Amino acid sequence: MLLEQASAITVDDLKHEEDVYIVDQAFRWTYVRTHETGMCGPYFSR
């Protein structure tokens, strides 16, 4: 799914989501929120 104006998304918007992977179109950065809530992540990498 392509999100327009994805910069408006906040961590709070995703706090009830599991297994979310968000990348920019050129794959220069990645944000991952796993299903292991409270144990691992979220992760951000450039």
PDB file of N, CA and C in Angstrom:
ATOM      1  N   MET A   1       0.844  -1.160   0.000  1.00  0.00           N
ATOM      2  CA  MET A   1       0.000   0.000   0.000  1.00  0.00           C
ATOM      3  C   MET A   1       0.894   1.230   0.000  1.00  0.00           C
ATOM      4  N   LEU A   2       0.586   2.198  -0.812  1.00  0.00           N
ATOM      5  CA  LEU A   2       1.326   3.450  -0.867  1.00  0.00           C
ATOM      6  C   LEU A   2       0.554   4.503  -0.088  1.00  0.00           C
ATOM      7  N   LEU A   3       1.220   5.107   0.878  1.00  0.00           N
ATOM      8  CA  LEU A   3       0.586   6.142   1.694  1.00  0.00           C
ATOM      9  C   LEU A   3       1.044   7.510   1.245  1.00  0.00           C
ATOM     10  N   GLU A   4       0.112   8.371   0.950  1.00  0.00           N
ATOM     11  CA  GLU A   4       0.437   9.777   0.656  1.00  0.00           C
ATOM     12  C   GLU A   4       0.581  10.500   1.988  1.00  0.00           C
ATOM     13  N   GLN A   5       1.530  11.387   2.092  1.00  0.00           N
ATOM     14  CA  GLN A   5       1.798  12.171   3.297  1.00  0.00           C
ATOM     15  C   GLN A   5       2.024  11.269   4.519  1.00  0.00           C
ATOM     16  N   ALA A   6       2.821  10.255   4.337  1.00  0.00           N
ATOM     17  CA  ALA A   6       3.116   9.312   5.414  1.00  0.00           C
ATOM     18  C   ALA A   6       3.864   9.974   6.566  1.00  0.00           C
ATOM     19  N   SER A   7       4.443  11.130   6.340  1.00  0.00           N
ATOM     20  CA  SER A   7       5.158  11.820   7.420  1.00  0.00           C
ATOM     21  C   SER A   7       4.214  12.239   8.542  1.00  0.00           C
ATOM     22  N   ALA A   8       2.922  12.208   8.290  1.00  0.00           N
ATOM     23  CA  ALA A   8       1.945  12.565   9.321  1.00  0.00           C
ATOM     24  C   ALA A   8       1.673  11.404  10.280  1.00  0.00           C
ATOM     25  N   ILE A   9       2.146  10.194   9.964  1.00  0.00           N
ATOM     26  CA  ILE A   9       1.940   9.038  10.838  1.00  0.00           C
ATOM     27  C   ILE A   9       2.837   9.168  12.058  1.00  0.00           C
ATOM     28  N   THR A  10       2.300   8.861  13.217  1.00  0.00           N
ATOM     29  CA  THR A  10       3.086   8.894  14.455  1.00  0.00           C
ATOM     30  C   THR A  10       3.142   7.500  15.063  1.00  0.00           C
ATOM     31  N   VAL A  11       4.033   7.307  16.007  1.00  0.00           N
ATOM     32  CA  VAL A  11       4.144   6.033  16.708  1.00  0.00           C
ATOM     33  C   VAL A  11       2.828   5.722  17.414  1.00  0.00           C
ATOM     34  N   ASP A  12       2.169   6.724  17.946  1.00  0.00           N
ATOM     35  CA  ASP A  12       0.886   6.510  18.614  1.00  0.00           C
ATOM     36  C   ASP A  12      -0.171   5.957  17.659  1.00  0.00           C
ATOM     37  N   ASP A  13      -0.102   6.316  16.380  1.00  0.00           N
ATOM     38  CA  ASP A  13      -1.048   5.788  15.394  1.00  0.00           C
ATOM     39  C   ASP A  13      -0.907   4.280  15.224  1.00  0.00           C
ATOM     40  N   LEU A  14       0.264   3.751  15.532  1.00  0.00           N
ATOM     41  CA  LEU A  14       0.553   2.332  15.302  1.00  0.00           C
ATOM     42  C   LEU A  14       0.627   1.517  16.588  1.00  0.00           C
ATOM     43  N   LYS A  15       0.318   2.118  17.725  1.00  0.00           N
ATOM     44  CA  LYS A  15       0.546   1.437  18.997  1.00  0.00           C
ATOM     45  C   LYS A  15      -0.292   0.178  19.193  1.00  0.00           C
ATOM     46  N   HIS A  16      -1.389   0.032  18.468  1.00  0.00           N
ATOM     47  CA  HIS A  16      -2.213  -1.171  18.592  1.00  0.00           C
ATOM     48  C   HIS A  16      -2.036  -2.114  17.407  1.00  0.00           C
ATOM     49  N   GLU A  17      -1.062  -1.834  16.563  1.00  0.00           N
ATOM     50  CA  GLU A  17      -0.797  -2.660  15.388  1.00  0.00           C
ATOM     51  C   GLU A  17       0.342  -3.633  15.677  1.00  0.00           C
ATOM     52  N   GLU A  18       0.350  -4.744  14.946  1.00  0.00           N
ATOM     53  CA  GLU A  18       1.424  -5.726  15.061  1.00  0.00           C
ATOM     54  C   GLU A  18       1.935  -6.073  13.670  1.00  0.00           C
ATOM     55  N   ASP A  19       3.213  -6.385  13.583  1.00  0.00           N
ATOM     56  CA  ASP A  19       3.853  -6.773  12.327  1.00  0.00           C
ATOM     57  C   ASP A  19       3.646  -5.727  11.238  1.00  0.00           C
ATOM     58  N   VAL A  20       4.055  -4.496  11.548  1.00  0.00           N
ATOM     59  CA  VAL A  20       3.962  -3.387  10.607  1.00  0.00           C
ATOM     60  C   VAL A  20       5.369  -3.079  10.104  1.00  0.00           C
ATOM     61  N   TYR A  21       5.504  -2.978   8.794  1.00  0.00           N
ATOM     62  CA  TYR A  21       6.775  -2.619   8.157  1.00  0.00           C
ATOM     63  C   TYR A  21       6.505  -1.409   7.273  1.00  0.00           C
ATOM     64  N   ILE A  22       7.220  -0.319   7.519  1.00  0.00           N
ATOM     65  CA  ILE A  22       7.045   0.889   6.729  1.00  0.00           C
ATOM     66  C   ILE A  22       8.409   1.282   6.172  1.00  0.00           C
ATOM     67  N   VAL A  23       8.478   1.508   4.867  1.00  0.00           N
ATOM     68  CA  VAL A  23       9.719   1.918   4.213  1.00  0.00           C
ATOM     69  C   VAL A  23       9.425   3.086   3.283  1.00  0.00           C
ATOM     70  N   ASP A  24      10.455   3.874   2.991  1.00  0.00           N
ATOM     71  CA  ASP A  24      10.260   4.909   1.971  1.00  0.00           C
ATOM     72  C   ASP A  24      10.383   4.251   0.597  1.00  0.00           C
ATOM     73  N   GLN A  25       9.989   4.946  -0.449  1.00  0.00           N
ATOM     74  CA  GLN A  25       9.942   4.356  -1.782  1.00  0.00           C
ATOM     75  C   GLN A  25      11.288   3.834  -2.270  1.00  0.00           C
ATOM     76  N   ALA A  26      12.374   4.436  -1.821  1.00  0.00           N
ATOM     77  CA  ALA A  26      13.707   4.014  -2.246  1.00  0.00           C
ATOM     78  C   ALA A  26      14.361   3.054  -1.236  1.00  0.00           C
ATOM     79  N   PHE A  27      13.609   2.632  -0.236  1.00  0.00           N
ATOM     80  CA  PHE A  27      14.112   1.729   0.804  1.00  0.00           C
ATOM     81  C   PHE A  27      15.353   2.289   1.504  1.00  0.00           C
ATOM     82  N   ARG A  28      15.369   3.601   1.732  1.00  0.00           N
ATOM     83  CA  ARG A  28      16.488   4.232   2.444  1.00  0.00           C
ATOM     84  C   ARG A  28      16.324   4.091   3.946  1.00  0.00           C
ATOM     85  N   TRP A  29      15.096   3.915   4.433  1.00  0.00           N
ATOM     86  CA  TRP A  29      14.862   3.711   5.867  1.00  0.00           C
ATOM     87  C   TRP A  29      13.696   2.739   6.044  1.00  0.00           C
ATOM     88  N   THR A  30      13.652   2.126   7.212  1.00  0.00           N
ATOM     89  CA  THR A  30      12.614   1.160   7.543  1.00  0.00           C
ATOM     90  C   THR A  30      12.186   1.340   8.989  1.00  0.00           C
ATOM     91  N   TYR A  31      10.884   1.261   9.223  1.00  0.00           N
ATOM     92  CA  TYR A  31      10.324   1.248  10.573  1.00  0.00           C
ATOM     93  C   TYR A  31       9.574  -0.069  10.714  1.00  0.00           C
ATOM     94  N   VAL A  32       9.869  -0.836  11.775  1.00  0.00           N
ATOM     95  CA  VAL A  32       9.230  -2.132  11.989  1.00  0.00           C
ATOM     96  C   VAL A  32       8.668  -2.188  13.394  1.00  0.00           C
ATOM     97  N   ARG A  33       7.427  -2.613  13.483  1.00  0.00           N
ATOM     98  CA  ARG A  33       6.798  -2.882  14.775  1.00  0.00           C
ATOM     99  C   ARG A  33       6.366  -4.344  14.729  1.00  0.00           C
ATOM    100  N   THR A  34       6.976  -5.173  15.579  1.00  0.00           N
ATOM    101  CA  THR A  34       6.731  -6.612  15.545  1.00  0.00           C
ATOM    102  C   THR A  34       5.559  -7.002  16.435  1.00  0.00           C
ATOM    103  N   HIS A  35       5.196  -8.270  16.381  1.00  0.00           N
ATOM    104  CA  HIS A  35       4.125  -8.770  17.245  1.00  0.00           C
ATOM    105  C   HIS A  35       4.629  -9.045  18.665  1.00  0.00           C
ATOM    106  N   GLU A  36       5.921  -8.954  18.896  1.00  0.00           N
ATOM    107  CA  GLU A  36       6.478  -9.153  20.236  1.00  0.00           C
ATOM    108  C   GLU A  36       6.384  -7.862  21.042  1.00  0.00           C
ATOM    109  N   THR A  37       5.200  -7.327  21.222  1.00  0.00           N
ATOM    110  CA  THR A  37       5.035  -6.057  21.913  1.00  0.00           C
ATOM    111  C   THR A  37       5.528  -6.169  23.353  1.00  0.00           C
ATOM    112  N   GLY A  38       6.231  -5.140  23.776  1.00  0.00           N
ATOM    113  CA  GLY A  38       6.766  -5.106  25.124  1.00  0.00           C
ATOM    114  C   GLY A  38       8.087  -5.834  25.272  1.00  0.00           C
ATOM    115  N   MET A  39       8.409  -6.704  24.333  1.00  0.00           N
ATOM    116  CA  MET A  39       9.640  -7.486  24.418  1.00  0.00           C
ATOM    117  C   MET A  39      10.694  -6.971  23.447  1.00  0.00           C
ATOM    118  N   CYS A  40      10.281  -6.634  22.244  1.00  0.00           N
ATOM    119  CA  CYS A  40      11.212  -6.220  21.194  1.00  0.00           C
ATOM    120  C   CYS A  40      10.626  -5.062  20.416  1.00  0.00           C
ATOM    121  N   GLY A  41      11.498  -4.131  20.022  1.00  0.00           N
ATOM    122  CA  GLY A  41      11.086  -3.055  19.130  1.00  0.00           C
ATOM    123  C   GLY A  41      10.237  -2.008  19.809  1.00  0.00           C
ATOM    124  N   PRO A  42       9.758  -1.054  19.040  1.00  0.00           N
ATOM    125  CA  PRO A  42       9.869  -0.987  17.593  1.00  0.00           C
ATOM    126  C   PRO A  42      11.292  -0.670  17.139  1.00  0.00           C
ATOM    127  N   TYR A  43      11.547  -0.914  15.865  1.00  0.00           N
ATOM    128  CA  TYR A  43      12.878  -0.725  15.295  1.00  0.00           C
ATOM    129  C   TYR A  43      12.829   0.322  14.191  1.00  0.00           C
ATOM    130  N   PHE A  44      13.901   1.076  14.086  1.00  0.00           N
ATOM    131  CA  PHE A  44      14.058   2.040  12.995  1.00  0.00           C
ATOM    132  C   PHE A  44      15.483   1.923  12.512  1.00  0.00           C
ATOM    133  N   SER A  45      15.666   1.873  11.192  1.00  0.00           N
ATOM    134  CA  SER A  45      17.015   1.743  10.635  1.00  0.00           C
ATOM    135  C   SER A  45      17.144   2.570   9.372  1.00  0.00           C
ATOM    136  N   ARG A  46      18.328   3.131   9.168  1.00  0.00           N
ATOM    137  CA  ARG A  46      18.664   3.858   7.928  1.00  0.00           C
ATOM    138  C   ARG A  46      19.688   3.088   7.176  1.00  0.00           C
TER     139      ARG A  46
END
